[in-house]
């Protein structure tokens, strides 16, 4: 399930990006644990979901280093963040964020997307 309700009037400032990145990194570090590292979904379906939904803003392919929207972190960079694991991504994907469209990914789509993003780490 996903919804998009981004306000067209909101301007993203560089300080917003830095704050969001710092908050995300801290949350990922706090939520990381070895017990949360079992794969959940199907990475192939996750890539298909990412290409259909996330690629509007993010670089989703392993070799892509620049996102269509400069403030959107490439998935290859996300996958390499310290503390990133399935549990941290699961929490992130189910929580609305001001710097992203009102996008909440749940159920099998979430599990598949998590499998794809964490699988990118192994390809680097």
N, C-alpha and C. Protein backbone atom coordinates (compact mmCIF):
# COMPACT_ATOMS: atom_id res chain seq x y z
N UNK A 1 0.84 -1.16 0.00
CA UNK A 1 0.00 0.00 0.00
C UNK A 1 0.89 1.23 0.00
N UNK A 2 0.52 2.23 -0.76
CA UNK A 2 1.26 3.48 -0.75
C UNK A 2 0.33 4.62 -1.10
N UNK A 3 0.66 5.77 -0.54
CA UNK A 3 -0.09 6.96 -0.87
C UNK A 3 0.90 8.09 -1.07
N UNK A 4 0.54 9.04 -1.91
CA UNK A 4 1.39 10.18 -2.17
C UNK A 4 0.57 11.44 -1.90
N UNK A 5 0.95 12.21 -0.90
CA UNK A 5 0.28 13.47 -0.59
C UNK A 5 1.32 14.54 -0.30
N UNK A 6 2.24 14.76 -1.21
CA UNK A 6 3.30 15.75 -1.03
C UNK A 6 2.73 17.13 -1.33
N UNK A 7 2.91 18.05 -0.43
CA UNK A 7 2.44 19.42 -0.64
C UNK A 7 3.34 20.10 -1.66
N UNK A 8 2.79 20.65 -2.76
CA UNK A 8 3.61 21.28 -3.78
C UNK A 8 4.19 22.61 -3.31
N UNK A 9 3.69 23.18 -2.21
CA UNK A 9 4.16 24.47 -1.73
C UNK A 9 5.41 24.36 -0.86
N UNK A 10 5.74 23.20 -0.38
CA UNK A 10 6.86 23.05 0.54
C UNK A 10 8.17 23.04 -0.22
N UNK A 11 9.09 23.89 0.17
CA UNK A 11 10.42 23.93 -0.41
C UNK A 11 11.36 23.12 0.48
N UNK A 12 12.18 22.27 -0.12
CA UNK A 12 13.16 21.50 0.63
C UNK A 12 14.45 22.30 0.67
N UNK A 13 14.90 22.59 1.88
CA UNK A 13 16.14 23.35 2.06
C UNK A 13 17.28 22.37 2.32
N UNK A 14 18.52 22.77 1.98
CA UNK A 14 19.67 21.89 2.26
C UNK A 14 19.75 21.48 3.73
N UNK A 15 19.39 22.38 4.64
CA UNK A 15 19.43 22.02 6.06
C UNK A 15 18.41 20.95 6.40
N UNK A 16 17.27 20.94 5.69
CA UNK A 16 16.27 19.88 5.89
C UNK A 16 16.86 18.52 5.54
N UNK A 17 17.62 18.48 4.44
CA UNK A 17 18.22 17.22 3.98
C UNK A 17 19.23 16.72 5.00
N UNK A 18 20.08 17.62 5.47
CA UNK A 18 21.10 17.24 6.45
C UNK A 18 20.45 16.74 7.73
N UNK A 19 19.42 17.45 8.21
CA UNK A 19 18.72 17.03 9.42
C UNK A 19 18.07 15.66 9.23
N UNK A 20 17.43 15.47 8.09
CA UNK A 20 16.76 14.19 7.82
C UNK A 20 17.77 13.05 7.75
N UNK A 21 18.90 13.29 7.09
CA UNK A 21 19.93 12.25 6.98
C UNK A 21 20.49 11.91 8.35
N UNK A 22 20.76 12.92 9.17
CA UNK A 22 21.29 12.67 10.50
C UNK A 22 20.29 11.91 11.36
N UNK A 23 19.03 12.31 11.31
CA UNK A 23 18.00 11.62 12.10
C UNK A 23 17.83 10.18 11.65
N UNK A 24 17.86 9.96 10.34
CA UNK A 24 17.72 8.61 9.81
C UNK A 24 18.89 7.75 10.24
N UNK A 25 20.12 8.27 10.13
CA UNK A 25 21.30 7.51 10.53
C UNK A 25 21.25 7.16 12.01
N UNK A 26 20.83 8.11 12.85
CA UNK A 26 20.74 7.83 14.28
C UNK A 26 19.67 6.78 14.57
N UNK A 27 18.52 6.89 13.91
CA UNK A 27 17.46 5.91 14.12
C UNK A 27 17.89 4.53 13.68
N UNK A 28 18.56 4.46 12.54
CA UNK A 28 19.03 3.17 12.04
C UNK A 28 20.03 2.56 13.00
N UNK A 29 20.94 3.36 13.53
CA UNK A 29 21.94 2.86 14.46
C UNK A 29 21.28 2.35 15.74
N UNK A 30 20.29 3.09 16.24
CA UNK A 30 19.61 2.69 17.47
C UNK A 30 18.78 1.43 17.29
N UNK A 31 18.22 1.25 16.10
CA UNK A 31 17.33 0.12 15.87
C UNK A 31 18.05 -1.14 15.40
N UNK A 32 19.33 -1.03 15.12
CA UNK A 32 20.05 -2.18 14.57
C UNK A 32 20.32 -3.22 15.65
N UNK A 33 20.21 -4.47 15.24
CA UNK A 33 20.56 -5.57 16.13
C UNK A 33 20.82 -6.79 15.29
N UNK A 34 21.75 -7.66 15.71
CA UNK A 34 22.04 -8.86 14.94
C UNK A 34 20.82 -9.75 14.75
N UNK A 35 19.90 -9.75 15.70
CA UNK A 35 18.72 -10.62 15.60
C UNK A 35 17.78 -10.18 14.50
N UNK A 36 17.93 -8.97 14.01
CA UNK A 36 17.00 -8.47 13.00
C UNK A 36 17.51 -8.66 11.59
N UNK A 37 18.54 -9.49 11.38
CA UNK A 37 19.19 -9.53 10.08
C UNK A 37 18.71 -10.66 9.16
N UNK A 38 17.70 -11.43 9.51
CA UNK A 38 17.20 -12.47 8.63
C UNK A 38 16.44 -11.86 7.46
N UNK A 39 16.64 -12.40 6.25
CA UNK A 39 15.95 -11.86 5.08
C UNK A 39 14.46 -12.16 5.17
N UNK A 40 13.67 -11.18 4.74
CA UNK A 40 12.23 -11.28 4.87
C UNK A 40 11.51 -11.59 3.58
N UNK A 41 11.87 -10.90 2.50
CA UNK A 41 11.08 -10.96 1.29
C UNK A 41 11.87 -11.39 0.08
N UNK A 42 11.30 -11.13 -1.09
CA UNK A 42 11.89 -11.49 -2.37
C UNK A 42 12.51 -10.24 -3.00
N UNK A 43 13.82 -10.24 -3.14
CA UNK A 43 14.54 -9.07 -3.65
C UNK A 43 14.13 -8.73 -5.08
N UNK A 44 13.80 -9.72 -5.89
CA UNK A 44 13.38 -9.42 -7.28
C UNK A 44 12.07 -8.64 -7.30
N UNK A 45 11.14 -9.06 -6.46
CA UNK A 45 9.88 -8.31 -6.37
C UNK A 45 10.12 -6.92 -5.75
N UNK A 46 11.06 -6.86 -4.82
CA UNK A 46 11.42 -5.58 -4.21
C UNK A 46 11.99 -4.61 -5.22
N UNK A 47 12.83 -5.12 -6.11
CA UNK A 47 13.39 -4.24 -7.15
C UNK A 47 12.28 -3.75 -8.09
N UNK A 48 11.37 -4.65 -8.45
CA UNK A 48 10.25 -4.25 -9.31
C UNK A 48 9.41 -3.16 -8.63
N UNK A 49 9.15 -3.31 -7.34
CA UNK A 49 8.41 -2.30 -6.60
C UNK A 49 9.19 -0.99 -6.58
N UNK A 50 10.48 -1.07 -6.30
CA UNK A 50 11.32 0.13 -6.26
C UNK A 50 11.31 0.84 -7.61
N UNK A 51 11.41 0.09 -8.70
CA UNK A 51 11.42 0.69 -10.03
C UNK A 51 10.07 1.35 -10.35
N UNK A 52 8.99 0.75 -9.87
CA UNK A 52 7.65 1.29 -10.16
C UNK A 52 7.29 2.47 -9.27
N UNK A 53 7.71 2.46 -8.01
CA UNK A 53 7.25 3.46 -7.05
C UNK A 53 8.37 4.42 -6.62
N UNK A 54 9.51 3.89 -6.28
CA UNK A 54 10.57 4.69 -5.65
C UNK A 54 11.45 5.43 -6.66
N UNK A 55 11.55 4.89 -7.88
CA UNK A 55 12.47 5.44 -8.88
C UNK A 55 12.08 6.83 -9.36
N UNK A 56 10.88 7.28 -9.04
CA UNK A 56 10.50 8.64 -9.38
C UNK A 56 11.42 9.65 -8.69
N UNK A 57 11.91 9.29 -7.52
CA UNK A 57 12.76 10.19 -6.73
C UNK A 57 14.16 9.62 -6.49
N UNK A 58 14.24 8.32 -6.22
CA UNK A 58 15.50 7.67 -5.83
C UNK A 58 16.15 6.93 -6.99
N UNK A 59 17.49 6.89 -6.99
CA UNK A 59 18.23 5.97 -7.85
C UNK A 59 18.08 4.60 -7.19
N UNK A 60 17.50 3.64 -7.89
CA UNK A 60 17.23 2.34 -7.27
C UNK A 60 18.12 1.21 -7.79
N UNK A 61 18.71 1.36 -8.96
CA UNK A 61 19.57 0.32 -9.52
C UNK A 61 20.93 0.33 -8.81
N UNK A 62 21.56 -0.83 -8.70
CA UNK A 62 22.84 -0.90 -7.98
C UNK A 62 23.91 0.05 -8.51
N UNK A 63 23.98 0.24 -9.81
CA UNK A 63 25.04 1.08 -10.40
C UNK A 63 24.70 2.57 -10.40
N UNK A 64 23.44 2.93 -10.13
CA UNK A 64 23.05 4.34 -10.14
C UNK A 64 23.58 5.05 -8.91
N UNK A 65 24.27 6.16 -9.14
CA UNK A 65 24.85 6.90 -8.02
C UNK A 65 24.16 8.24 -7.78
N UNK A 66 23.33 8.70 -8.73
CA UNK A 66 22.63 9.97 -8.57
C UNK A 66 21.14 9.75 -8.76
N UNK A 67 20.35 10.25 -7.83
CA UNK A 67 18.89 10.12 -7.89
C UNK A 67 18.29 11.19 -8.78
N UNK A 68 17.11 10.92 -9.37
CA UNK A 68 16.41 11.95 -10.14
C UNK A 68 16.14 13.21 -9.33
N UNK A 69 15.85 13.04 -8.05
CA UNK A 69 15.71 14.19 -7.13
C UNK A 69 16.96 14.23 -6.28
N UNK A 70 17.69 15.31 -6.33
CA UNK A 70 18.98 15.41 -5.65
C UNK A 70 18.90 15.11 -4.16
N UNK A 71 17.79 15.47 -3.52
CA UNK A 71 17.67 15.26 -2.08
C UNK A 71 17.29 13.81 -1.72
N UNK A 72 17.00 12.99 -2.70
CA UNK A 72 16.61 11.59 -2.45
C UNK A 72 17.86 10.71 -2.49
N UNK A 73 18.14 10.05 -1.40
CA UNK A 73 19.33 9.22 -1.29
C UNK A 73 19.24 8.01 -2.22
N UNK A 74 20.29 7.75 -3.02
CA UNK A 74 20.30 6.53 -3.85
C UNK A 74 20.22 5.28 -2.96
N UNK A 75 19.53 4.27 -3.46
CA UNK A 75 19.41 3.03 -2.68
C UNK A 75 20.77 2.39 -2.42
N UNK A 76 21.72 2.53 -3.34
CA UNK A 76 23.05 1.96 -3.11
C UNK A 76 23.74 2.62 -1.92
N UNK A 77 23.46 3.90 -1.69
CA UNK A 77 24.00 4.60 -0.52
C UNK A 77 23.24 4.18 0.74
N UNK A 78 21.92 4.13 0.64
CA UNK A 78 21.11 3.68 1.79
C UNK A 78 21.56 2.32 2.30
N UNK A 79 21.81 1.42 1.36
CA UNK A 79 22.15 0.06 1.76
C UNK A 79 23.47 -0.01 2.52
N UNK A 80 24.34 0.98 2.35
CA UNK A 80 25.63 0.98 3.02
C UNK A 80 25.67 1.76 4.32
N UNK A 81 24.53 2.31 4.76
CA UNK A 81 24.52 3.08 6.00
C UNK A 81 24.80 2.18 7.19
N UNK A 82 25.67 2.62 8.11
CA UNK A 82 25.93 1.83 9.32
C UNK A 82 24.64 1.63 10.11
N UNK A 83 24.44 0.42 10.58
CA UNK A 83 23.26 0.13 11.38
C UNK A 83 22.03 -0.22 10.57
N UNK A 84 22.12 -0.13 9.25
CA UNK A 84 20.96 -0.46 8.42
C UNK A 84 20.72 -1.96 8.47
N UNK A 85 19.52 -2.34 8.83
CA UNK A 85 19.13 -3.74 8.80
C UNK A 85 17.64 -3.82 8.50
N UNK A 86 17.13 -5.02 8.43
CA UNK A 86 15.73 -5.21 8.06
C UNK A 86 14.77 -4.54 9.03
N UNK A 87 15.07 -4.63 10.31
CA UNK A 87 14.17 -4.05 11.31
C UNK A 87 14.14 -2.52 11.18
N UNK A 88 15.30 -1.90 11.04
CA UNK A 88 15.37 -0.45 10.91
C UNK A 88 14.63 0.02 9.66
N UNK A 89 14.84 -0.68 8.55
CA UNK A 89 14.14 -0.33 7.32
C UNK A 89 12.63 -0.52 7.46
N UNK A 90 12.23 -1.58 8.14
CA UNK A 90 10.81 -1.84 8.35
C UNK A 90 10.14 -0.70 9.09
N UNK A 91 10.79 -0.21 10.14
CA UNK A 91 10.25 0.92 10.90
C UNK A 91 10.21 2.16 10.01
N UNK A 92 11.29 2.41 9.29
CA UNK A 92 11.36 3.60 8.43
C UNK A 92 10.26 3.58 7.37
N UNK A 93 10.05 2.43 6.73
CA UNK A 93 9.08 2.35 5.64
C UNK A 93 7.63 2.44 6.11
N UNK A 94 7.40 2.23 7.39
CA UNK A 94 6.04 2.31 7.92
C UNK A 94 5.76 3.63 8.64
N UNK A 95 6.71 4.58 8.54
CA UNK A 95 6.59 5.85 9.23
C UNK A 95 6.60 6.98 8.22
N UNK A 96 5.57 7.83 8.18
CA UNK A 96 5.58 8.96 7.26
C UNK A 96 6.72 9.92 7.60
N UNK A 97 7.31 10.53 6.57
CA UNK A 97 8.42 11.46 6.75
C UNK A 97 8.15 12.73 5.97
N UNK A 98 8.45 13.86 6.58
CA UNK A 98 8.20 15.16 5.94
C UNK A 98 9.01 15.33 4.66
N UNK A 99 10.20 14.75 4.61
CA UNK A 99 11.05 14.94 3.43
C UNK A 99 10.69 14.01 2.27
N UNK A 100 9.74 13.12 2.48
CA UNK A 100 9.30 12.20 1.43
C UNK A 100 7.80 12.40 1.21
N UNK A 101 7.32 11.92 0.06
CA UNK A 101 5.86 11.91 -0.08
C UNK A 101 5.26 11.09 1.05
N UNK A 102 3.98 11.25 1.30
CA UNK A 102 3.34 10.48 2.34
C UNK A 102 3.27 9.03 1.87
N UNK A 103 4.39 8.35 1.97
CA UNK A 103 4.53 6.99 1.47
C UNK A 103 4.76 6.05 2.64
N UNK A 104 3.87 5.11 2.81
CA UNK A 104 4.01 4.08 3.83
C UNK A 104 3.92 2.76 3.10
N UNK A 105 4.95 1.94 3.26
CA UNK A 105 5.01 0.65 2.58
C UNK A 105 4.76 -0.43 3.63
N UNK A 106 3.79 -1.30 3.37
CA UNK A 106 3.42 -2.31 4.35
C UNK A 106 3.39 -3.70 3.72
N UNK A 107 3.27 -4.70 4.57
CA UNK A 107 3.06 -6.08 4.14
C UNK A 107 4.17 -6.65 3.28
N UNK A 108 3.78 -7.42 2.30
CA UNK A 108 4.74 -8.10 1.43
C UNK A 108 5.58 -7.11 0.63
N UNK A 109 4.97 -6.00 0.20
CA UNK A 109 5.75 -4.98 -0.51
C UNK A 109 6.91 -4.48 0.35
N UNK A 110 6.64 -4.23 1.62
CA UNK A 110 7.68 -3.79 2.56
C UNK A 110 8.78 -4.84 2.67
N UNK A 111 8.39 -6.07 2.88
CA UNK A 111 9.38 -7.14 3.04
C UNK A 111 10.23 -7.31 1.79
N UNK A 112 9.60 -7.23 0.63
CA UNK A 112 10.33 -7.37 -0.63
C UNK A 112 11.28 -6.20 -0.85
N UNK A 113 10.83 -4.99 -0.55
CA UNK A 113 11.67 -3.81 -0.71
C UNK A 113 12.86 -3.87 0.25
N UNK A 114 12.64 -4.31 1.46
CA UNK A 114 13.73 -4.47 2.43
C UNK A 114 14.75 -5.49 1.91
N UNK A 115 14.27 -6.61 1.38
CA UNK A 115 15.18 -7.62 0.84
C UNK A 115 16.02 -7.05 -0.30
N UNK A 116 15.41 -6.23 -1.15
CA UNK A 116 16.15 -5.64 -2.25
C UNK A 116 17.20 -4.65 -1.75
N UNK A 117 16.81 -3.73 -0.88
CA UNK A 117 17.75 -2.71 -0.40
C UNK A 117 18.91 -3.33 0.37
N UNK A 118 18.61 -4.26 1.27
CA UNK A 118 19.70 -4.87 2.04
C UNK A 118 20.55 -5.76 1.14
N UNK A 119 19.98 -6.31 0.09
CA UNK A 119 20.76 -7.11 -0.86
C UNK A 119 21.75 -6.29 -1.66
N UNK A 120 21.49 -5.01 -1.82
CA UNK A 120 22.43 -4.14 -2.54
C UNK A 120 23.76 -4.05 -1.80
N UNK A 121 23.73 -4.14 -0.48
CA UNK A 121 24.95 -4.09 0.32
C UNK A 121 25.93 -5.19 -0.10
N UNK A 122 25.39 -6.35 -0.40
CA UNK A 122 26.24 -7.48 -0.77
C UNK A 122 26.82 -7.34 -2.18
N UNK A 123 26.22 -6.46 -3.00
CA UNK A 123 26.68 -6.26 -4.37
C UNK A 123 27.74 -5.18 -4.49
N UNK A 124 28.03 -4.49 -3.40
CA UNK A 124 29.00 -3.38 -3.44
C UNK A 124 30.41 -3.86 -3.23
